[in-house]
């Protein structure tokens, strides 16, 4: 009874727009309007099966940027499980086989000091939530970040690549040989982060790499410039 009265006085609020949600709606995280108009990106492009790195983003960044900010910086850690569920639902509803048939799912790693300050890695929370629903094994330390990098926001494409070069490596004792790997990140922009991580994975003889991002601006399907994984493995060596 006390819990019920508490929710009447202090109702749950929509994670996207902040409006109160209905008490008996069955979904305490979305208002009626947002539930009916989810800001999904539609995977209506053709994914080139010969592309070494390809992927899909779930939400329009512009529509969910405030939610992401709260998740990462305002202590809304529980958003990871909620948003991860929507990512998994999107994958299932759109039959994205590169994710459904993957061998492992891994997060883009944070610099350890930043992760300690924040208390969590947002990409790891998203990846773990997707793993729980779809059933892909979640491995948290396949990729590690070797050094601090400056924030990518505001950097040009070339500066982003320079900033990330050599920033990642394969975790000690990790093996991705002949595995189909899904990389999870919260925001996809130019693809520089995914590309650098893909170099590491293909260098360790991964079979396929696919990225799943929570959000991205612009178009629905993204492709990186280099489509041959042997080119990626040898790039900058």
Foldseek 3Di string as FASTA:
>chain_A
DVVVVVCVVVNQAALQPRHGADPPPVDSHHHPVCVVVPQFADPPDDDPPLFQEWEWATGACVRCVVSVCCCQPVPPVVVLLVLLVSLLVVCVVVVVVLVLVFQEEEELEDAVVSCVVRVHDSQLSSRVNSCVVSVHHYDYQQKYFDDDFDDPPPDDPVVLLVRCVPGMAGGPPDAQAQGRYEYEEAEDEQCNSVLNVLLRNVLRHHPGYYYYYHHYHDHTIDGDPDGHSVCSPPPPD
